[in-house]
Amino acid sequence: MSDLNEGKGSCLCGAIHFYAKSMSKHVGACHCSMCRKWTGGPLLAVDCGSEVSFEGQENISTFDSSAWAERGFCNKCGSHLFYRLKAQNQYIVPVGLFENCESVVFDHQIFIEEKPAFYSFANETKNMTGAEVFAQFAAPSE
């Protein structure tokens, strides 16, 4: 059984539709302060790699949230569309935007040290600190 699905979805108002050729079946929660400020809570998302296409691209606005990443949203309804790692062109997409996500599994949480005490998830997950995330995804030194 593959860890990847094709996925399609849209923003709340339907001005933007997207297609992800390789949507991960592994949902993660990000508890970093930027994601919580962006979404009003933890970001629950899936990795969609770099092969993501958008219809209604003229309705997408982006915000450079760091030197290495940008966040995209619908400029009509405000739906959060993606967190994109610029160097890898890697899209992390909120799982709630997908039409069909019954086969996904919530199995990891990142920036766990930034998670506020007022919520917790019952699922058993792999938990990583921000330092562990940066160490795992850091570009190799030359």
N, C-alpha and C. Protein backbone atom coordinates (compact mmCIF):
# COMPACT_ATOMS: atom_id res chain seq x y z
N MET A 1 0.85 -1.18 0.00
CA MET A 1 0.00 0.00 0.00
C MET A 1 0.89 1.24 0.00
N SER A 2 0.63 2.15 -0.87
CA SER A 2 1.43 3.37 -1.02
C SER A 2 1.13 4.37 0.09
N ASP A 3 2.14 5.16 0.44
CA ASP A 3 1.96 6.24 1.41
C ASP A 3 1.47 7.51 0.73
N LEU A 4 1.19 7.44 -0.58
CA LEU A 4 0.77 8.63 -1.32
C LEU A 4 -0.55 8.39 -2.03
N ASN A 5 -1.33 9.43 -2.11
CA ASN A 5 -2.59 9.46 -2.86
C ASN A 5 -2.54 10.64 -3.80
N GLU A 6 -3.39 10.64 -4.80
CA GLU A 6 -3.65 11.87 -5.52
C GLU A 6 -4.70 12.59 -4.70
N GLY A 7 -4.66 13.91 -4.72
CA GLY A 7 -5.64 14.66 -3.94
C GLY A 7 -6.12 15.87 -4.70
N LYS A 8 -7.37 16.22 -4.48
CA LYS A 8 -7.88 17.45 -5.06
C LYS A 8 -8.79 18.11 -4.05
N GLY A 9 -8.86 19.44 -4.17
CA GLY A 9 -9.66 20.18 -3.23
C GLY A 9 -9.86 21.60 -3.68
N SER A 10 -10.37 22.42 -2.78
CA SER A 10 -10.65 23.81 -3.13
C SER A 10 -10.67 24.65 -1.86
N CYS A 11 -10.68 25.96 -2.09
CA CYS A 11 -10.86 26.90 -0.99
C CYS A 11 -12.34 26.93 -0.62
N LEU A 12 -12.69 27.67 0.39
CA LEU A 12 -14.07 27.75 0.88
C LEU A 12 -15.04 28.29 -0.16
N CYS A 13 -14.65 29.33 -0.90
CA CYS A 13 -15.57 29.94 -1.86
C CYS A 13 -15.54 29.28 -3.24
N GLY A 14 -14.56 28.42 -3.50
CA GLY A 14 -14.48 27.73 -4.79
C GLY A 14 -13.74 28.50 -5.87
N ALA A 15 -13.17 29.67 -5.54
CA ALA A 15 -12.43 30.44 -6.54
C ALA A 15 -11.13 29.75 -6.93
N ILE A 16 -10.62 28.87 -6.06
CA ILE A 16 -9.38 28.16 -6.32
C ILE A 16 -9.62 26.67 -6.13
N HIS A 17 -9.25 25.90 -7.14
CA HIS A 17 -9.26 24.44 -7.06
C HIS A 17 -7.82 24.00 -7.26
N PHE A 18 -7.45 22.91 -6.61
CA PHE A 18 -6.07 22.43 -6.77
C PHE A 18 -6.04 20.92 -6.90
N TYR A 19 -4.92 20.45 -7.45
CA TYR A 19 -4.68 19.04 -7.65
C TYR A 19 -3.26 18.74 -7.18
N ALA A 20 -3.14 17.76 -6.31
CA ALA A 20 -1.83 17.32 -5.82
C ALA A 20 -1.59 15.92 -6.34
N LYS A 21 -0.52 15.75 -7.10
CA LYS A 21 -0.21 14.44 -7.69
C LYS A 21 0.18 13.43 -6.62
N SER A 22 0.82 13.89 -5.54
CA SER A 22 1.28 12.95 -4.52
C SER A 22 1.04 13.50 -3.11
N MET A 23 -0.18 13.36 -2.65
CA MET A 23 -0.58 13.78 -1.31
C MET A 23 -0.22 12.68 -0.31
N SER A 24 0.53 13.03 0.71
CA SER A 24 0.88 12.05 1.74
C SER A 24 -0.37 11.62 2.49
N LYS A 25 -0.36 10.39 2.97
CA LYS A 25 -1.45 9.89 3.80
C LYS A 25 -1.20 10.21 5.27
N HIS A 26 -0.06 10.85 5.57
CA HIS A 26 0.33 11.14 6.95
C HIS A 26 0.05 12.59 7.31
N VAL A 27 -0.94 12.80 8.17
CA VAL A 27 -1.30 14.15 8.61
C VAL A 27 -0.44 14.51 9.81
N GLY A 28 0.05 15.75 9.78
CA GLY A 28 0.81 16.25 10.91
C GLY A 28 0.21 17.52 11.46
N ALA A 29 0.50 17.79 12.72
CA ALA A 29 0.09 19.04 13.36
C ALA A 29 1.33 19.86 13.61
N CYS A 30 1.28 21.14 13.21
CA CYS A 30 2.37 22.05 13.53
C CYS A 30 1.88 23.00 14.61
N HIS A 31 2.65 23.08 15.69
CA HIS A 31 2.30 23.92 16.82
C HIS A 31 3.14 25.19 16.89
N CYS A 32 3.93 25.51 15.85
CA CYS A 32 4.78 26.70 15.92
C CYS A 32 3.91 27.94 16.05
N SER A 33 4.48 28.97 16.61
CA SER A 33 3.71 30.19 16.86
C SER A 33 3.19 30.81 15.56
N MET A 34 3.95 30.70 14.46
CA MET A 34 3.48 31.27 13.19
C MET A 34 2.27 30.52 12.66
N CYS A 35 2.29 29.19 12.69
CA CYS A 35 1.13 28.42 12.21
C CYS A 35 -0.08 28.68 13.09
N ARG A 36 0.12 28.76 14.40
CA ARG A 36 -1.02 29.02 15.28
C ARG A 36 -1.60 30.41 15.05
N LYS A 37 -0.74 31.38 14.78
CA LYS A 37 -1.23 32.73 14.50
C LYS A 37 -1.95 32.76 13.14
N TRP A 38 -1.42 31.99 12.16
CA TRP A 38 -1.99 31.94 10.81
C TRP A 38 -3.36 31.28 10.81
N THR A 39 -3.51 30.18 11.58
CA THR A 39 -4.74 29.39 11.51
C THR A 39 -5.67 29.57 12.70
N GLY A 40 -5.18 30.17 13.77
CA GLY A 40 -5.98 30.27 14.99
C GLY A 40 -5.88 29.03 15.85
N GLY A 41 -5.03 28.11 15.50
CA GLY A 41 -4.82 26.86 16.24
C GLY A 41 -3.70 26.11 15.56
N PRO A 42 -3.52 24.84 15.87
CA PRO A 42 -2.47 24.09 15.18
C PRO A 42 -2.83 23.89 13.70
N LEU A 43 -1.82 23.86 12.86
CA LEU A 43 -2.03 23.57 11.43
C LEU A 43 -2.03 22.06 11.26
N LEU A 44 -3.13 21.51 10.76
CA LEU A 44 -3.23 20.08 10.44
C LEU A 44 -3.08 19.96 8.93
N ALA A 45 -1.98 19.35 8.49
CA ALA A 45 -1.66 19.40 7.06
C ALA A 45 -0.97 18.14 6.59
N VAL A 46 -0.90 18.02 5.26
CA VAL A 46 -0.22 16.90 4.61
C VAL A 46 0.81 17.44 3.62
N ASP A 47 1.88 16.70 3.46
CA ASP A 47 2.92 17.03 2.50
C ASP A 47 2.45 16.61 1.11
N CYS A 48 2.49 17.54 0.16
CA CYS A 48 2.06 17.24 -1.21
C CYS A 48 3.19 17.34 -2.21
N GLY A 49 4.43 17.43 -1.74
CA GLY A 49 5.56 17.50 -2.66
C GLY A 49 5.49 18.75 -3.52
N SER A 50 6.06 18.65 -4.71
CA SER A 50 6.16 19.83 -5.57
C SER A 50 5.19 19.81 -6.75
N GLU A 51 4.51 18.70 -6.96
CA GLU A 51 3.60 18.61 -8.10
C GLU A 51 2.17 18.95 -7.68
N VAL A 52 1.95 20.25 -7.48
CA VAL A 52 0.63 20.76 -7.13
C VAL A 52 0.26 21.81 -8.17
N SER A 53 -0.94 21.68 -8.73
CA SER A 53 -1.39 22.66 -9.73
C SER A 53 -2.66 23.33 -9.23
N PHE A 54 -2.83 24.57 -9.65
CA PHE A 54 -3.95 25.39 -9.18
C PHE A 54 -4.75 25.95 -10.34
N GLU A 55 -6.08 25.89 -10.24
CA GLU A 55 -6.99 26.61 -11.13
C GLU A 55 -7.48 27.81 -10.34
N GLY A 56 -7.51 28.97 -10.98
CA GLY A 56 -7.90 30.19 -10.27
C GLY A 56 -6.70 30.83 -9.59
N GLN A 57 -5.52 30.59 -10.17
CA GLN A 57 -4.27 31.07 -9.57
C GLN A 57 -4.26 32.58 -9.36
N GLU A 58 -5.03 33.32 -10.15
CA GLU A 58 -5.10 34.78 -9.98
C GLU A 58 -5.73 35.17 -8.65
N ASN A 59 -6.37 34.23 -7.98
CA ASN A 59 -6.99 34.48 -6.68
C ASN A 59 -6.10 34.07 -5.51
N ILE A 60 -4.86 33.65 -5.81
CA ILE A 60 -3.93 33.26 -4.75
C ILE A 60 -3.04 34.45 -4.41
N SER A 61 -2.97 34.76 -3.13
CA SER A 61 -2.01 35.73 -2.62
C SER A 61 -1.04 34.97 -1.73
N THR A 62 0.19 35.45 -1.67
CA THR A 62 1.19 34.79 -0.84
C THR A 62 1.81 35.78 0.14
N PHE A 63 2.32 35.23 1.22
CA PHE A 63 3.00 35.99 2.25
C PHE A 63 4.31 35.27 2.56
N ASP A 64 5.44 35.97 2.41
CA ASP A 64 6.74 35.40 2.77
C ASP A 64 6.86 35.41 4.28
N SER A 65 6.61 34.26 4.91
CA SER A 65 6.64 34.19 6.37
C SER A 65 8.04 33.98 6.92
N SER A 66 8.97 33.64 6.05
CA SER A 66 10.38 33.50 6.45
C SER A 66 11.22 33.54 5.18
N ALA A 67 12.52 33.48 5.34
CA ALA A 67 13.42 33.49 4.19
C ALA A 67 13.25 32.22 3.35
N TRP A 68 12.80 31.14 3.95
CA TRP A 68 12.74 29.85 3.26
C TRP A 68 11.32 29.40 2.93
N ALA A 69 10.29 30.12 3.38
CA ALA A 69 8.93 29.63 3.15
C ALA A 69 7.95 30.77 2.92
N GLU A 70 6.86 30.42 2.21
CA GLU A 70 5.77 31.36 2.00
C GLU A 70 4.47 30.64 2.31
N ARG A 71 3.45 31.43 2.60
CA ARG A 71 2.11 30.90 2.88
C ARG A 71 1.16 31.48 1.85
N GLY A 72 0.32 30.61 1.29
CA GLY A 72 -0.64 31.04 0.28
C GLY A 72 -2.05 31.00 0.82
N PHE A 73 -2.86 31.94 0.33
CA PHE A 73 -4.25 32.00 0.75
C PHE A 73 -5.11 32.54 -0.38
N CYS A 74 -6.40 32.25 -0.33
CA CYS A 74 -7.34 32.76 -1.31
C CYS A 74 -7.63 34.22 -0.97
N ASN A 75 -7.45 35.10 -1.97
CA ASN A 75 -7.70 36.52 -1.71
C ASN A 75 -9.19 36.88 -1.83
N LYS A 76 -10.04 35.89 -2.05
CA LYS A 76 -11.50 36.12 -2.06
C LYS A 76 -12.12 35.74 -0.71
N CYS A 77 -11.83 34.51 -0.23
CA CYS A 77 -12.47 34.04 1.01
C CYS A 77 -11.50 33.91 2.18
N GLY A 78 -10.20 34.01 1.92
CA GLY A 78 -9.22 33.94 2.99
C GLY A 78 -8.77 32.54 3.37
N SER A 79 -9.26 31.50 2.69
CA SER A 79 -8.83 30.13 3.03
C SER A 79 -7.32 29.99 2.94
N HIS A 80 -6.76 29.31 3.93
CA HIS A 80 -5.33 29.00 3.91
C HIS A 80 -5.12 27.86 2.94
N LEU A 81 -4.26 28.06 1.95
CA LEU A 81 -4.07 27.07 0.88
C LEU A 81 -2.82 26.23 1.02
N PHE A 82 -1.72 26.85 1.43
CA PHE A 82 -0.48 26.08 1.52
C PHE A 82 0.58 26.83 2.31
N TYR A 83 1.51 26.03 2.80
CA TYR A 83 2.79 26.48 3.32
C TYR A 83 3.78 25.89 2.34
N ARG A 84 4.60 26.72 1.69
CA ARG A 84 5.51 26.22 0.65
C ARG A 84 6.95 26.49 1.01
N LEU A 85 7.76 25.43 1.05
CA LEU A 85 9.20 25.56 1.23
C LEU A 85 9.77 25.96 -0.12
N LYS A 86 10.34 27.16 -0.20
CA LYS A 86 10.76 27.74 -1.48
C LYS A 86 11.83 26.93 -2.19
N ALA A 87 12.90 26.56 -1.51
CA ALA A 87 14.03 25.89 -2.15
C ALA A 87 13.63 24.56 -2.79
N GLN A 88 12.76 23.81 -2.13
CA GLN A 88 12.32 22.50 -2.64
C GLN A 88 11.02 22.59 -3.42
N ASN A 89 10.39 23.77 -3.44
CA ASN A 89 9.06 23.93 -4.02
C ASN A 89 8.10 22.88 -3.44
N GLN A 90 8.19 22.67 -2.14
CA GLN A 90 7.42 21.63 -1.44
C GLN A 90 6.19 22.26 -0.78
N TYR A 91 5.01 21.76 -1.14
CA TYR A 91 3.75 22.27 -0.63
C TYR A 91 3.24 21.43 0.54
N ILE A 92 2.96 22.10 1.64
CA ILE A 92 2.29 21.49 2.78
C ILE A 92 0.89 22.11 2.79
N VAL A 93 -0.13 21.26 2.66
CA VAL A 93 -1.50 21.74 2.43
C VAL A 93 -2.41 21.34 3.59
N PRO A 94 -3.23 22.27 4.08
CA PRO A 94 -4.19 21.92 5.14
C PRO A 94 -5.09 20.76 4.70
N VAL A 95 -5.16 19.73 5.52
CA VAL A 95 -5.88 18.51 5.15
C VAL A 95 -7.37 18.76 4.96
N GLY A 96 -7.93 19.75 5.64
CA GLY A 96 -9.36 20.03 5.52
C GLY A 96 -9.80 20.56 4.18
N LEU A 97 -8.86 20.95 3.32
CA LEU A 97 -9.21 21.47 1.99
C LEU A 97 -9.49 20.36 0.98
N PHE A 98 -9.06 19.14 1.29
CA PHE A 98 -9.21 18.04 0.34
C PHE A 98 -10.62 17.48 0.33
N GLU A 99 -11.07 17.07 -0.85
CA GLU A 99 -12.41 16.50 -1.02
C GLU A 99 -12.55 15.15 -0.33
N ASN A 100 -11.52 14.34 -0.42
CA ASN A 100 -11.60 12.98 0.09
C ASN A 100 -10.33 12.69 0.89
N CYS A 101 -10.47 12.62 2.19
CA CYS A 101 -9.28 12.33 3.00
C CYS A 101 -9.57 11.27 4.06
N GLU A 102 -10.42 10.30 3.73
CA GLU A 102 -10.73 9.23 4.67
C GLU A 102 -9.55 8.30 4.94
N SER A 103 -8.61 8.22 4.00
CA SER A 103 -7.50 7.27 4.17
C SER A 103 -6.28 7.86 4.87
N VAL A 104 -6.37 9.09 5.34
CA VAL A 104 -5.22 9.70 6.00
C VAL A 104 -5.17 9.30 7.47
N VAL A 105 -3.95 9.40 8.03
CA VAL A 105 -3.73 9.05 9.43
C VAL A 105 -2.97 10.18 10.10
N PHE A 106 -3.47 10.65 11.22
CA PHE A 106 -2.78 11.68 12.00
C PHE A 106 -1.70 10.98 12.82
N ASP A 107 -0.42 11.21 12.45
CA ASP A 107 0.63 10.43 13.10
C ASP A 107 1.86 11.22 13.54
N HIS A 108 1.89 12.54 13.34
CA HIS A 108 3.06 13.29 13.83
C HIS A 108 2.71 14.72 14.18
N GLN A 109 3.51 15.27 15.09
CA GLN A 109 3.37 16.64 15.53
C GLN A 109 4.75 17.28 15.57
N ILE A 110 4.82 18.53 15.11
CA ILE A 110 6.10 19.23 15.13
C ILE A 110 5.99 20.53 15.92
N PHE A 111 7.16 21.01 16.33
CA PHE A 111 7.25 22.18 17.23
C PHE A 111 6.44 21.91 18.49
N ILE A 112 6.57 20.68 18.97
CA ILE A 112 5.79 20.24 20.13
C ILE A 112 6.10 21.08 21.37
N GLU A 113 7.31 21.65 21.44
CA GLU A 113 7.67 22.47 22.60
C GLU A 113 6.95 23.81 22.60
N GLU A 114 6.35 24.19 21.47
CA GLU A 114 5.61 25.45 21.40
C GLU A 114 4.10 25.26 21.59
N LYS A 115 3.66 24.01 21.74
CA LYS A 115 2.23 23.72 21.89
C LYS A 115 1.74 24.29 23.22
N PRO A 116 0.67 25.10 23.18
CA PRO A 116 0.13 25.61 24.43
C PRO A 116 -0.50 24.49 25.26
N ALA A 117 -0.60 24.70 26.54
CA ALA A 117 -1.12 23.68 27.45
C ALA A 117 -2.64 23.50 27.35
N PHE A 118 -3.35 24.42 26.71
CA PHE A 118 -4.82 24.36 26.74
C PHE A 118 -5.43 23.35 25.78
N TYR A 119 -4.65 22.67 24.95
CA TYR A 119 -5.20 21.59 24.13
C TYR A 119 -4.20 20.46 24.03
N SER A 120 -4.71 19.28 23.70
CA SER A 120 -3.86 18.12 23.43
C SER A 120 -4.66 17.15 22.56
N PHE A 121 -3.93 16.31 21.84
CA PHE A 121 -4.56 15.31 20.99
C PHE A 121 -4.43 13.94 21.64
N ALA A 122 -5.43 13.10 21.46
CA ALA A 122 -5.42 11.77 22.06
C ALA A 122 -4.59 10.78 21.25
N ASN A 123 -4.37 11.06 19.97
CA ASN A 123 -3.63 10.13 19.10
C ASN A 123 -2.20 9.94 19.59
N GLU A 124 -1.70 8.73 19.44
CA GLU A 124 -0.28 8.46 19.67
C GLU A 124 0.45 8.93 18.41
N THR A 125 1.39 9.86 18.57
CA THR A 125 2.09 10.43 17.42
C THR A 125 3.58 10.51 17.68
N LYS A 126 4.33 10.64 16.59
CA LYS A 126 5.75 10.97 16.70
C LYS A 126 5.80 12.48 16.96
N ASN A 127 6.49 12.88 18.00
CA ASN A 127 6.57 14.29 18.37
C ASN A 127 7.99 14.80 18.19
N MET A 128 8.12 15.93 17.49
CA MET A 128 9.43 16.51 17.22
C MET A 128 9.47 17.96 17.68
N THR A 129 10.60 18.37 18.23
CA THR A 129 10.79 19.77 18.58
C THR A 129 11.16 20.54 17.32
N GLY A 130 11.15 21.85 17.41
CA GLY A 130 11.57 22.68 16.29
C GLY A 130 13.01 22.39 15.89
N ALA A 131 13.90 22.21 16.86
CA ALA A 131 15.30 21.91 16.56
C ALA A 131 15.42 20.60 15.80
N GLU A 132 14.63 19.60 16.18
CA GLU A 132 14.66 18.31 15.48
C GLU A 132 14.15 18.45 14.05
N VAL A 133 13.13 19.27 13.86
CA VAL A 133 12.59 19.51 12.51
C VAL A 133 13.65 20.16 11.64
N PHE A 134 14.28 21.23 12.13
CA PHE A 134 15.30 21.92 11.35
C PHE A 134 16.48 21.00 11.07
N ALA A 135 16.86 20.15 12.01
CA ALA A 135 17.97 19.21 11.79
C ALA A 135 17.62 18.20 10.71
N GLN A 136 16.37 17.73 10.68
CA GLN A 136 15.95 16.74 9.70
C GLN A 136 15.87 17.33 8.29
N PHE A 137 15.43 18.58 8.18
CA PHE A 137 15.18 19.16 6.87
C PHE A 137 16.25 20.16 6.42
N ALA A 138 17.29 20.33 7.22
CA ALA A 138 18.36 21.27 6.86
C ALA A 138 19.08 20.80 5.61
N ALA A 139 19.48 21.76 4.79
CA ALA A 139 20.22 21.42 3.57
C ALA A 139 21.58 20.87 3.97
N PRO A 140 22.06 19.84 3.27
CA PRO A 140 23.38 19.30 3.58
C PRO A 140 24.47 20.33 3.35
N SER A 141 25.47 20.36 4.21
CA SER A 141 26.57 21.32 4.05
C SER A 141 27.51 20.85 2.96
N GLU A 142 28.08 21.83 2.29
CA GLU A 142 29.01 21.49 1.21
C GLU A 142 30.42 21.67 1.67
